[in-house]
Amino acid sequence: MVIGSLNMDLTVRAPRLPRPGETVLGTDFYQAPGGKGGNQAVAAARLGGRVRMAARVGRDTFGAALRASLEKEGVDAGAVGIAEAHSGLALIVVDASGQNLIAAYPGANALLSAQDLEGVEWEAGAWAVAVLEVPDEAVIRGFERARKSGGRTILNAAPARPFAADLWVLTDILVVNETEAALLAGRSADDPAAAIEAAQALRDRGPATVAVTLGAQGSVVVDEVGAWHVPVIPVRAVDATAAGDAWVAALAVALVRGDGLLRAATFASAAGAITVTRRGAQPAIPFRGETEELAGRAPAPQRLA
């Protein structure tokens, strides 16, 4: 079960990202379904997972398109409700190196409630994956139901913001990027050694496992056994918009099917690497076969602590 946001992404490609108060002329425009929750649901489905999505959209053309897109990808959208608000939107600028700048309007995403999660049919043993683009109370109720059913919980704490103490202790696996890790831990996380220290501080707040993605520096994973650096898989980056979402979804799918943490993190690294080589959010997300092929050629994780 993915608990999260659905947005319509409106993306402009430009030679560089604009500075405050500056207009930069774009070279291309495209519209595609997105939202961190939607991206992760689609990624999990493409990577071999059986996926349901709990979310809200507006009673508008974007909302209808977002639901239809999930269903086309094989995601069960039965728990995607209709809210009396505009569907979520994301305005994205992508520069020539693949880096991006995003402004998101929550819209209907902000109306997902604990009651919505209470009313969802929950399969025994189902895991819950959530993002912070929806209210804490919805995620908390979903995580409670996952735990009660015998499943585990993965929180992608993005965008980084303070969140309820109950959510910390209900999270089995926390996934953040270097910026999110630094904000939540109150310390630098801009290289593998610093990221491990930040991850260890975040583990003290409840999650048994913490993963920090570091872009071109790969990622680190820390659990009760130790800390490892998962090297990056070299690729030519075009657009990093949904790379983190693909990473989270791939980790979840691999763990659910029984892979160990390091093998799952390597599979996640491959999914993220493929995603940055393509444009857009959901259109860029890879499928299972190509991800497994790249993961088979990935450098082995290295133990650092």
C-alpha atoms as a PDB file:
ATOM      1  CA  MET A   1       0.000   0.000   0.000  1.00  0.00           C
ATOM      2  CA  VAL A   2       1.437   3.350  -1.060  1.00  0.00           C
ATOM      3  CA  ILE A   3       0.105   6.259   1.003  1.00  0.00           C
ATOM      4  CA  GLY A   4       0.937   9.495  -0.710  1.00  0.00           C
ATOM      5  CA  SER A   5       0.492  12.264  -3.200  1.00  0.00           C
ATOM      6  CA  LEU A   6      -0.742  12.418  -6.761  1.00  0.00           C
ATOM      7  CA  ASN A   7       0.238  15.474  -8.813  1.00  0.00           C
ATOM      8  CA  MET A   8       0.150  16.456 -12.427  1.00  0.00           C
ATOM      9  CA  ASP A   9       3.711  17.470 -13.316  1.00  0.00           C
ATOM     10  CA  LEU A  10       4.187  20.439 -15.636  1.00  0.00           C
ATOM     11  CA  THR A  11       7.859  20.451 -16.652  1.00  0.00           C
ATOM     12  CA  VAL A  12       9.986  22.981 -18.512  1.00  0.00           C
ATOM     13  CA  ARG A  13      13.499  22.131 -19.658  1.00  0.00           C
ATOM     14  CA  ALA A  14      15.928  25.065 -19.622  1.00  0.00           C
ATOM     15  CA  PRO A  15      19.690  25.597 -20.044  1.00  0.00           C
ATOM     16  CA  ARG A  16      19.973  26.340 -16.320  1.00  0.00           C
ATOM     17  CA  LEU A  17      17.803  26.814 -13.239  1.00  0.00           C
ATOM     18  CA  PRO A  18      16.543  30.382 -12.707  1.00  0.00           C
ATOM     19  CA  ARG A  19      17.811  32.482  -9.818  1.00  0.00           C
ATOM     20  CA  PRO A  20      15.295  34.374  -7.627  1.00  0.00           C
ATOM     21  CA  GLY A  21      13.553  37.053  -9.691  1.00  0.00           C
ATOM     22  CA  GLU A  22      15.002  35.767 -12.969  1.00  0.00           C
ATOM     23  CA  THR A  23      13.206  34.439 -16.055  1.00  0.00           C
ATOM     24  CA  VAL A  24      14.984  31.737 -18.040  1.00  0.00           C
ATOM     25  CA  LEU A  25      13.531  30.719 -21.398  1.00  0.00           C
ATOM     26  CA  GLY A  26      12.774  27.036 -21.688  1.00  0.00           C
ATOM     27  CA  THR A  27      13.633  24.730 -24.562  1.00  0.00           C
ATOM     28  CA  ASP A  28      10.922  22.094 -24.071  1.00  0.00           C
ATOM     29  CA  PHE A  29       7.688  21.424 -22.159  1.00  0.00           C
ATOM     30  CA  TYR A  30       5.923  18.218 -21.178  1.00  0.00           C
ATOM     31  CA  GLN A  31       3.082  17.166 -18.895  1.00  0.00           C
ATOM     32  CA  ALA A  32       2.982  13.823 -17.108  1.00  0.00           C
ATOM     33  CA  PRO A  33       1.461  12.180 -14.013  1.00  0.00           C
ATOM     34  CA  GLY A  34       3.616  12.548 -10.902  1.00  0.00           C
ATOM     35  CA  GLY A  35       3.560  13.194  -7.187  1.00  0.00           C
ATOM     36  CA  LYS A  36       5.959  11.258  -4.983  1.00  0.00           C
ATOM     37  CA  GLY A  37       3.270   8.796  -3.956  1.00  0.00           C
ATOM     38  CA  GLY A  38       2.122   8.184  -7.510  1.00  0.00           C
ATOM     39  CA  ASN A  39       5.681   7.836  -8.744  1.00  0.00           C
ATOM     40  CA  GLN A  40       6.448   5.242  -6.081  1.00  0.00           C
ATOM     41  CA  ALA A  41       3.255   3.292  -6.756  1.00  0.00           C
ATOM     42  CA  VAL A  42       3.964   3.143 -10.494  1.00  0.00           C
ATOM     43  CA  ALA A  43       7.603   2.255  -9.886  1.00  0.00           C
ATOM     44  CA  ALA A  44       6.683  -0.559  -7.508  1.00  0.00           C
ATOM     45  CA  ALA A  45       4.211  -1.962 -10.039  1.00  0.00           C
ATOM     46  CA  ARG A  46       6.717  -1.798 -12.914  1.00  0.00           C
ATOM     47  CA  LEU A  47       9.357  -3.456 -10.744  1.00  0.00           C
ATOM     48  CA  GLY A  48       7.162  -6.435  -9.959  1.00  0.00           C
ATOM     49  CA  GLY A  49       5.121  -5.427  -6.920  1.00  0.00           C
ATOM     50  CA  ARG A  50       1.387  -5.848  -6.369  1.00  0.00           C
ATOM     51  CA  VAL A  51       0.375  -2.327  -5.438  1.00  0.00           C
ATOM     52  CA  ARG A  52      -2.581  -0.365  -4.054  1.00  0.00           C
ATOM     53  CA  MET A  53      -2.606   3.418  -3.737  1.00  0.00           C
ATOM     54  CA  ALA A  54      -4.319   5.478  -1.014  1.00  0.00           C
ATOM     55  CA  ALA A  55      -4.600   9.108  -2.083  1.00  0.00           C
ATOM     56  CA  ARG A  56      -6.976  11.915  -3.045  1.00  0.00           C
ATOM     57  CA  VAL A  57      -7.464  13.845  -6.274  1.00  0.00           C
ATOM     58  CA  GLY A  58      -9.782  16.657  -7.293  1.00  0.00           C
ATOM     59  CA  ARG A  59     -12.969  16.497  -9.304  1.00  0.00           C
ATOM     60  CA  ASP A  60     -11.186  17.821 -12.389  1.00  0.00           C
ATOM     61  CA  THR A  61      -9.525  16.627 -15.592  1.00  0.00           C
ATOM     62  CA  PHE A  62      -6.146  16.209 -13.878  1.00  0.00           C
ATOM     63  CA  GLY A  63      -7.730  14.013 -11.206  1.00  0.00           C
ATOM     64  CA  ALA A  64      -9.365  11.746 -13.775  1.00  0.00           C
ATOM     65  CA  ALA A  65      -6.099  11.499 -15.710  1.00  0.00           C
ATOM     66  CA  LEU A  66      -4.125  10.636 -12.567  1.00  0.00           C
ATOM     67  CA  ARG A  67      -6.494   7.803 -11.616  1.00  0.00           C
ATOM     68  CA  ALA A  68      -6.530   6.466 -15.164  1.00  0.00           C
ATOM     69  CA  SER A  69      -2.739   6.523 -15.320  1.00  0.00           C
ATOM     70  CA  LEU A  70      -2.446   4.426 -12.144  1.00  0.00           C
ATOM     71  CA  GLU A  71      -4.921   1.870 -13.447  1.00  0.00           C
ATOM     72  CA  LYS A  72      -3.100   1.675 -16.779  1.00  0.00           C
ATOM     73  CA  GLU A  73       0.086   0.817 -14.878  1.00  0.00           C
ATOM     74  CA  GLY A  74      -1.636  -1.987 -12.968  1.00  0.00           C
ATOM     75  CA  VAL A  75      -1.954  -0.094  -9.670  1.00  0.00           C
ATOM     76  CA  ASP A  76      -5.186  -0.676  -7.722  1.00  0.00           C
ATOM     77  CA  ALA A  77      -6.687   2.840  -7.475  1.00  0.00           C
ATOM     78  CA  GLY A  78      -9.777   1.817  -5.507  1.00  0.00           C
ATOM     79  CA  ALA A  79      -8.575   3.797  -2.477  1.00  0.00           C
ATOM     80  CA  VAL A  80      -7.962   6.984  -4.464  1.00  0.00           C
ATOM     81  CA  GLY A  81     -10.785   9.248  -3.298  1.00  0.00           C
ATOM     82  CA  ILE A  82     -12.286  12.431  -4.743  1.00  0.00           C
ATOM     83  CA  ALA A  83     -11.875  15.683  -2.783  1.00  0.00           C
ATOM     84  CA  GLU A  84     -13.564  19.033  -3.252  1.00  0.00           C
ATOM     85  CA  ALA A  85     -10.269  20.686  -4.106  1.00  0.00           C
ATOM     86  CA  HIS A  86      -8.034  21.014  -7.127  1.00  0.00           C
ATOM     87  CA  SER A  87      -5.814  18.052  -7.866  1.00  0.00           C
ATOM     88  CA  GLY A  88      -2.192  18.453  -6.813  1.00  0.00           C
ATOM     89  CA  LEU A  89       0.207  20.157  -9.204  1.00  0.00           C
ATOM     90  CA  ALA A  90       3.988  20.333  -9.517  1.00  0.00           C
ATOM     91  CA  LEU A  91       5.792  23.020 -11.516  1.00  0.00           C
ATOM     92  CA  ILE A  92       9.233  21.693 -12.469  1.00  0.00           C
ATOM     93  CA  VAL A  93      12.272  23.218 -14.148  1.00  0.00           C
ATOM     94  CA  VAL A  94      15.044  20.851 -15.299  1.00  0.00           C
ATOM     95  CA  ASP A  95      18.462  22.141 -16.357  1.00  0.00           C
ATOM     96  CA  ALA A  96      20.920  20.787 -18.921  1.00  0.00           C
ATOM     97  CA  SER A  97      22.699  18.622 -16.311  1.00  0.00           C
ATOM     98  CA  GLY A  98      19.465  16.960 -15.152  1.00  0.00           C
ATOM     99  CA  GLN A  99      19.137  18.857 -11.871  1.00  0.00           C
ATOM    100  CA  ASN A 100      15.703  20.209 -11.038  1.00  0.00           C
ATOM    101  CA  LEU A 101      13.758  22.868  -9.163  1.00  0.00           C
ATOM    102  CA  ILE A 102      10.195  22.019  -8.061  1.00  0.00           C
ATOM    103  CA  ALA A 103       7.281  23.997  -6.624  1.00  0.00           C
ATOM    104  CA  ALA A 104       4.365  21.761  -5.620  1.00  0.00           C
ATOM    105  CA  TYR A 105       0.758  22.707  -4.837  1.00  0.00           C
ATOM    106  CA  PRO A 106      -0.784  20.053  -2.536  1.00  0.00           C
ATOM    107  CA  GLY A 107      -4.448  20.619  -3.382  1.00  0.00           C
ATOM    108  CA  ALA A 108      -6.433  17.422  -2.762  1.00  0.00           C
ATOM    109  CA  ASN A 109      -3.358  15.700  -1.305  1.00  0.00           C
ATOM    110  CA  ALA A 110      -3.711  17.792   1.851  1.00  0.00           C
ATOM    111  CA  LEU A 111      -7.187  16.311   2.460  1.00  0.00           C
ATOM    112  CA  LEU A 112      -6.169  12.657   2.785  1.00  0.00           C
ATOM    113  CA  SER A 113      -7.302  11.664   6.282  1.00  0.00           C
ATOM    114  CA  ALA A 114      -6.920   8.948   8.891  1.00  0.00           C
ATOM    115  CA  GLN A 115     -10.551   8.031   8.181  1.00  0.00           C
ATOM    116  CA  ASP A 116      -9.657   7.403   4.550  1.00  0.00           C
ATOM    117  CA  LEU A 117      -7.035   4.873   5.656  1.00  0.00           C
ATOM    118  CA  GLU A 118      -9.415   3.332   8.185  1.00  0.00           C
ATOM    119  CA  GLY A 119     -11.880   2.591   5.406  1.00  0.00           C
ATOM    120  CA  VAL A 120      -9.361   0.869   3.136  1.00  0.00           C
ATOM    121  CA  GLU A 121      -9.405  -2.927   2.908  1.00  0.00           C
ATOM    122  CA  TRP A 122      -6.017  -4.104   4.185  1.00  0.00           C
ATOM    123  CA  GLU A 123      -4.505  -7.386   3.093  1.00  0.00           C
ATOM    124  CA  ALA A 124      -2.737  -9.436   5.773  1.00  0.00           C
ATOM    125  CA  GLY A 125       1.019  -8.877   5.680  1.00  0.00           C
ATOM    126  CA  ALA A 126       0.828  -5.910   3.311  1.00  0.00           C
ATOM    127  CA  TRP A 127       3.639  -3.381   3.697  1.00  0.00           C
ATOM    128  CA  ALA A 128       2.994   0.370   3.765  1.00  0.00           C
ATOM    129  CA  VAL A 129       5.162   2.921   1.946  1.00  0.00           C
ATOM    130  CA  ALA A 130       4.480   6.619   2.550  1.00  0.00           C
ATOM    131  CA  VAL A 131       5.748  10.116   1.788  1.00  0.00           C
ATOM    132  CA  LEU A 132       5.301  13.421   3.611  1.00  0.00           C
ATOM    133  CA  GLU A 133       3.273  15.156   0.899  1.00  0.00           C
ATOM    134  CA  VAL A 134       0.103  14.077   2.744  1.00  0.00           C
ATOM    135  CA  PRO A 135      -0.997  14.707   6.370  1.00  0.00           C
ATOM    136  CA  ASP A 136       0.763  12.826   9.176  1.00  0.00           C
ATOM    137  CA  GLU A 137      -2.477  11.420  10.568  1.00  0.00           C
ATOM    138  CA  ALA A 138      -3.178   9.520   7.345  1.00  0.00           C
ATOM    139  CA  VAL A 139       0.299   8.011   7.313  1.00  0.00           C
ATOM    140  CA  ILE A 140       0.114   7.120  11.019  1.00  0.00           C
ATOM    141  CA  ARG A 141      -3.178   5.259  10.560  1.00  0.00           C
ATOM    142  CA  GLY A 142      -1.831   3.438   7.543  1.00  0.00           C
ATOM    143  CA  PHE A 143       1.335   2.429   9.383  1.00  0.00           C
ATOM    144  CA  GLU A 144      -0.706   1.237  12.353  1.00  0.00           C
ATOM    145  CA  ARG A 145      -2.773  -0.952  10.059  1.00  0.00           C
ATOM    146  CA  ALA A 146       0.323  -2.316   8.322  1.00  0.00           C
ATOM    147  CA  ARG A 147       1.938  -3.217  11.624  1.00  0.00           C
ATOM    148  CA  LYS A 148      -1.279  -4.820  12.910  1.00  0.00           C
ATOM    149  CA  SER A 149      -1.578  -6.899   9.729  1.00  0.00           C
ATOM    150  CA  GLY A 150       1.957  -8.243  10.041  1.00  0.00           C
ATOM    151  CA  GLY A 151       3.495  -5.931   7.436  1.00  0.00           C
ATOM    152  CA  ARG A 152       6.359  -3.473   7.737  1.00  0.00           C
ATOM    153  CA  THR A 153       6.584   0.261   7.087  1.00  0.00           C
ATOM    154  CA  ILE A 154       8.813   2.460   4.931  1.00  0.00           C
ATOM    155  CA  LEU A 155       8.731   6.239   5.279  1.00  0.00           C
ATOM    156  CA  ASN A 156      10.295   8.404   2.607  1.00  0.00           C
ATOM    157  CA  ALA A 157      10.545  11.606   4.670  1.00  0.00           C
ATOM    158  CA  ALA A 158      10.202  13.915   1.684  1.00  0.00           C
ATOM    159  CA  PRO A 159       9.797  16.770   1.536  1.00  0.00           C
ATOM    160  CA  ALA A 160      11.773  17.161   4.766  1.00  0.00           C
ATOM    161  CA  ARG A 161       9.697  18.689   7.538  1.00  0.00           C
ATOM    162  CA  PRO A 162       9.042  18.048  11.221  1.00  0.00           C
ATOM    163  CA  PHE A 163       6.595  15.187  11.679  1.00  0.00           C
ATOM    164  CA  ALA A 164       4.709  13.536  14.519  1.00  0.00           C
ATOM    165  CA  ALA A 165       6.657  11.578  17.146  1.00  0.00           C
ATOM    166  CA  ASP A 166       4.251   8.639  16.682  1.00  0.00           C
ATOM    167  CA  LEU A 167       5.341   8.380  13.067  1.00  0.00           C
ATOM    168  CA  TRP A 168       9.000   8.013  14.015  1.00  0.00           C
ATOM    169  CA  VAL A 169       8.293   4.974  16.177  1.00  0.00           C
ATOM    170  CA  LEU A 170       5.937   3.421  13.615  1.00  0.00           C
ATOM    171  CA  THR A 171       8.603   3.587  10.887  1.00  0.00           C
ATOM    172  CA  ASP A 172      10.651   0.433  10.300  1.00  0.00           C
ATOM    173  CA  ILE A 173      12.747   1.841   7.442  1.00  0.00           C
ATOM    174  CA  LEU A 174      13.407   5.556   6.899  1.00  0.00           C
ATOM    175  CA  VAL A 175      14.644   6.747   3.488  1.00  0.00           C
ATOM    176  CA  VAL A 176      15.933  10.297   2.980  1.00  0.00           C
ATOM    177  CA  ASN A 177      18.301  12.119   0.639  1.00  0.00           C
ATOM    178  CA  GLU A 178      21.312  14.064   1.894  1.00  0.00           C
ATOM    179  CA  THR A 179      19.376  17.338   2.256  1.00  0.00           C
ATOM    180  CA  GLU A 180      16.508  15.691   4.129  1.00  0.00           C
ATOM    181  CA  ALA A 181      18.904  13.770   6.361  1.00  0.00           C
ATOM    182  CA  ALA A 182      20.767  16.964   7.279  1.00  0.00           C
ATOM    183  CA  LEU A 183      17.567  18.841   8.106  1.00  0.00           C
ATOM    184  CA  LEU A 184      16.105  16.032  10.217  1.00  0.00           C
ATOM    185  CA  ALA A 185      19.343  15.103  11.992  1.00  0.00           C
ATOM    186  CA  GLY A 186      20.651  18.648  12.424  1.00  0.00           C
ATOM    187  CA  ARG A 187      24.048  17.776  10.970  1.00  0.00           C
ATOM    188  CA  SER A 188      25.787  17.504   7.606  1.00  0.00           C
ATOM    189  CA  ALA A 189      25.128  14.454   5.425  1.00  0.00           C
ATOM    190  CA  ASP A 190      26.907  15.464   2.237  1.00  0.00           C
ATOM    191  CA  ASP A 191      29.334  12.520   1.954  1.00  0.00           C
ATOM    192  CA  PRO A 192      29.114   8.827   2.929  1.00  0.00           C
ATOM    193  CA  ALA A 193      30.863   9.212   6.288  1.00  0.00           C
ATOM    194  CA  ALA A 194      28.733  12.191   7.320  1.00  0.00           C
ATOM    195  CA  ALA A 195      25.581  10.495   6.024  1.00  0.00           C
ATOM    196  CA  ILE A 196      26.268   7.449   8.197  1.00  0.00           C
ATOM    197  CA  GLU A 197      26.566   9.654  11.286  1.00  0.00           C
ATOM    198  CA  ALA A 198      23.296  11.398  10.388  1.00  0.00           C
ATOM    199  CA  ALA A 199      21.615   8.042   9.765  1.00  0.00           C
ATOM    200  CA  GLN A 200      22.752   6.734  13.138  1.00  0.00           C
ATOM    201  CA  ALA A 201      21.262   9.819  14.810  1.00  0.00           C
ATOM    202  CA  LEU A 202      17.983   9.247  12.969  1.00  0.00           C
ATOM    203  CA  ARG A 203      17.914   5.576  14.020  1.00  0.00           C
ATOM    204  CA  ASP A 204      17.938   6.752  17.624  1.00  0.00           C
ATOM    205  CA  ARG A 205      14.510   8.301  17.020  1.00  0.00           C
ATOM    206  CA  GLY A 206      12.798   5.023  16.164  1.00  0.00           C
ATOM    207  CA  PRO A 207      13.481   3.481  12.716  1.00  0.00           C
ATOM    208  CA  ALA A 208      15.439   0.221  12.794  1.00  0.00           C
ATOM    209  CA  THR A 209      16.973   0.959   9.387  1.00  0.00           C
ATOM    210  CA  VAL A 210      17.904   4.274   7.759  1.00  0.00           C
ATOM    211  CA  ALA A 211      18.972   4.772   4.136  1.00  0.00           C
ATOM    212  CA  VAL A 212      20.428   8.040   2.855  1.00  0.00           C
ATOM    213  CA  THR A 213      20.668   8.595  -0.903  1.00  0.00           C
ATOM    214  CA  LEU A 214      23.569  10.800  -2.018  1.00  0.00           C
ATOM    215  CA  GLY A 215      23.044  11.325  -5.750  1.00  0.00           C
ATOM    216  CA  ALA A 216      26.344  10.887  -7.589  1.00  0.00           C
ATOM    217  CA  GLN A 217      27.945   9.506  -4.405  1.00  0.00           C
ATOM    218  CA  GLY A 218      25.580   6.535  -4.193  1.00  0.00           C
ATOM    219  CA  SER A 219      23.831   5.815  -0.888  1.00  0.00           C
ATOM    220  CA  VAL A 220      24.421   4.549   2.623  1.00  0.00           C
ATOM    221  CA  VAL A 221      22.313   2.097   4.619  1.00  0.00           C
ATOM    222  CA  VAL A 222      22.535   1.717   8.387  1.00  0.00           C
ATOM    223  CA  ASP A 223      20.841  -0.884  10.593  1.00  0.00           C
ATOM    224  CA  GLU A 224      21.506  -2.665  13.871  1.00  0.00           C
ATOM    225  CA  VAL A 225      24.230  -4.787  12.226  1.00  0.00           C
ATOM    226  CA  GLY A 226      26.347  -2.034  10.684  1.00  0.00           C
ATOM    227  CA  ALA A 227      26.691   0.652   8.020  1.00  0.00           C
ATOM    228  CA  TRP A 228      27.401   0.226   4.311  1.00  0.00           C
ATOM    229  CA  HIS A 229      28.120   2.444   1.322  1.00  0.00           C
ATOM    230  CA  VAL A 230      26.310   1.418  -1.856  1.00  0.00           C
ATOM    231  CA  PRO A 231      28.352   2.882  -4.753  1.00  0.00           C
ATOM    232  CA  VAL A 232      26.700   4.791  -7.556  1.00  0.00           C
ATOM    233  CA  ILE A 233      26.167   3.083 -10.919  1.00  0.00           C
ATOM    234  CA  PRO A 234      27.689   5.491 -13.508  1.00  0.00           C
ATOM    235  CA  VAL A 235      25.183   6.798 -16.086  1.00  0.00           C
ATOM    236  CA  ARG A 236      24.628   9.973 -18.088  1.00  0.00           C
ATOM    237  CA  ALA A 237      22.036  12.010 -16.171  1.00  0.00           C
ATOM    238  CA  VAL A 238      19.257  13.748 -18.103  1.00  0.00           C
ATOM    239  CA  ASP A 239      16.540  14.391 -15.498  1.00  0.00           C
ATOM    240  CA  ALA A 240      16.647  13.498 -11.787  1.00  0.00           C
ATOM    241  CA  THR A 241      12.959  14.235 -11.101  1.00  0.00           C
ATOM    242  CA  ALA A 242      11.758  10.773 -10.010  1.00  0.00           C
ATOM    243  CA  ALA A 243      15.057   9.049  -9.248  1.00  0.00           C
ATOM    244  CA  GLY A 244      14.509   9.092  -5.491  1.00  0.00           C
ATOM    245  CA  ASP A 245      10.997   7.712  -5.890  1.00  0.00           C
ATOM    246  CA  ALA A 246      12.248   4.858  -8.049  1.00  0.00           C
ATOM    247  CA  TRP A 247      14.919   4.139  -5.410  1.00  0.00           C
ATOM    248  CA  VAL A 248      12.349   3.905  -2.604  1.00  0.00           C
ATOM    249  CA  ALA A 249       9.959   1.737  -4.606  1.00  0.00           C
ATOM    250  CA  ALA A 250      12.706  -0.631  -5.719  1.00  0.00           C
ATOM    251  CA  LEU A 251      13.937  -1.025  -2.143  1.00  0.00           C
ATOM    252  CA  ALA A 252      10.406  -1.859  -0.998  1.00  0.00           C
ATOM    253  CA  VAL A 253       9.755  -4.369  -3.780  1.00  0.00           C
ATOM    254  CA  ALA A 254      13.064  -6.142  -3.190  1.00  0.00           C
ATOM    255  CA  LEU A 255      12.548  -6.372   0.573  1.00  0.00           C
ATOM    256  CA  VAL A 256       8.969  -7.605   0.194  1.00  0.00           C
ATOM    257  CA  ARG A 257      10.121 -10.404  -2.100  1.00  0.00           C
ATOM    258  CA  GLY A 258      12.691 -11.458   0.500  1.00  0.00           C
ATOM    259  CA  ASP A 259      15.988  -9.869  -0.592  1.00  0.00           C
ATOM    260  CA  GLY A 260      18.457  -8.837   2.093  1.00  0.00           C
ATOM    261  CA  LEU A 261      19.046  -5.154   2.785  1.00  0.00           C
ATOM    262  CA  LEU A 262      22.223  -4.790   0.704  1.00  0.00           C
ATOM    263  CA  ARG A 263      20.847  -6.647  -2.300  1.00  0.00           C
ATOM    264  CA  ALA A 264      17.677  -4.532  -2.066  1.00  0.00           C
ATOM    265  CA  ALA A 265      19.735  -1.326  -1.883  1.00  0.00           C
ATOM    266  CA  THR A 266      21.713  -2.364  -4.969  1.00  0.00           C
ATOM    267  CA  PHE A 267      18.464  -3.039  -6.851  1.00  0.00           C
ATOM    268  CA  ALA A 268      17.254   0.401  -5.708  1.00  0.00           C
ATOM    269  CA  SER A 269      20.471   2.011  -6.929  1.00  0.00           C
ATOM    270  CA  ALA A 270      19.946   0.473 -10.361  1.00  0.00           C
ATOM    271  CA  ALA A 271      16.345   1.725 -10.532  1.00  0.00           C
ATOM    272  CA  GLY A 272      17.435   5.250  -9.613  1.00  0.00           C
ATOM    273  CA  ALA A 273      20.291   5.170 -12.114  1.00  0.00           C
ATOM    274  CA  ILE A 274      18.046   4.200 -15.017  1.00  0.00           C
ATOM    275  CA  THR A 275      15.467   6.833 -14.067  1.00  0.00           C
ATOM    276  CA  VAL A 276      17.925   9.750 -14.302  1.00  0.00           C
ATOM    277  CA  THR A 277      18.757   8.822 -17.897  1.00  0.00           C
ATOM    278  CA  ARG A 278      15.189   9.599 -19.036  1.00  0.00           C
ATOM    279  CA  ARG A 279      12.910  12.611 -19.047  1.00  0.00           C
ATOM    280  CA  GLY A 280       9.928  13.155 -16.804  1.00  0.00           C
ATOM    281  CA  ALA A 281       8.712  11.485 -13.632  1.00  0.00           C
ATOM    282  CA  GLN A 282       6.595   8.382 -14.248  1.00  0.00           C
ATOM    283  CA  PRO A 283       7.599   8.086 -17.933  1.00  0.00           C
ATOM    284  CA  ALA A 284      11.225   7.687 -16.787  1.00  0.00           C
ATOM    285  CA  ILE A 285      10.635   4.870 -14.295  1.00  0.00           C
ATOM    286  CA  PRO A 286      12.178   1.523 -15.343  1.00  0.00           C
ATOM    287  CA  PHE A 287      10.780  -1.998 -15.444  1.00  0.00           C
ATOM    288  CA  ARG A 288      11.974  -5.039 -13.511  1.00  0.00           C
ATOM    289  CA  GLY A 289      14.021  -6.775 -16.217  1.00  0.00           C
ATOM    290  CA  GLU A 290      16.205  -3.815 -17.145  1.00  0.00           C
ATOM    291  CA  THR A 291      16.685  -2.951 -13.479  1.00  0.00           C
ATOM    292  CA  GLU A 292      17.790  -6.462 -12.555  1.00  0.00           C
ATOM    293  CA  GLU A 293      20.200  -6.483 -15.502  1.00  0.00           C
ATOM    294  CA  LEU A 294      21.871  -3.246 -14.381  1.00  0.00           C
ATOM    295  CA  ALA A 295      21.882  -4.321 -10.728  1.00  0.00           C
ATOM    296  CA  GLY A 296      23.783  -7.444 -11.765  1.00  0.00           C
ATOM    297  CA  ARG A 297      26.613  -5.211 -13.020  1.00  0.00           C
ATOM    298  CA  ALA A 298      26.639  -2.861 -10.035  1.00  0.00           C
ATOM    299  CA  PRO A 299      29.670  -2.432  -7.729  1.00  0.00           C
ATOM    300  CA  ALA A 300      29.390  -4.334  -4.465  1.00  0.00           C
ATOM    301  CA  PRO A 301      28.423  -2.402  -1.306  1.00  0.00           C
ATOM    302  CA  GLN A 302      31.300  -1.627   1.059  1.00  0.00           C
ATOM    303  CA  ARG A 303      31.047  -1.880   4.837  1.00  0.00           C
ATOM    304  CA  LEU A 304      32.109   1.369   6.545  1.00  0.00           C
ATOM    305  CA  ALA A 305      31.107   0.756  10.163  1.00  0.00           C
END
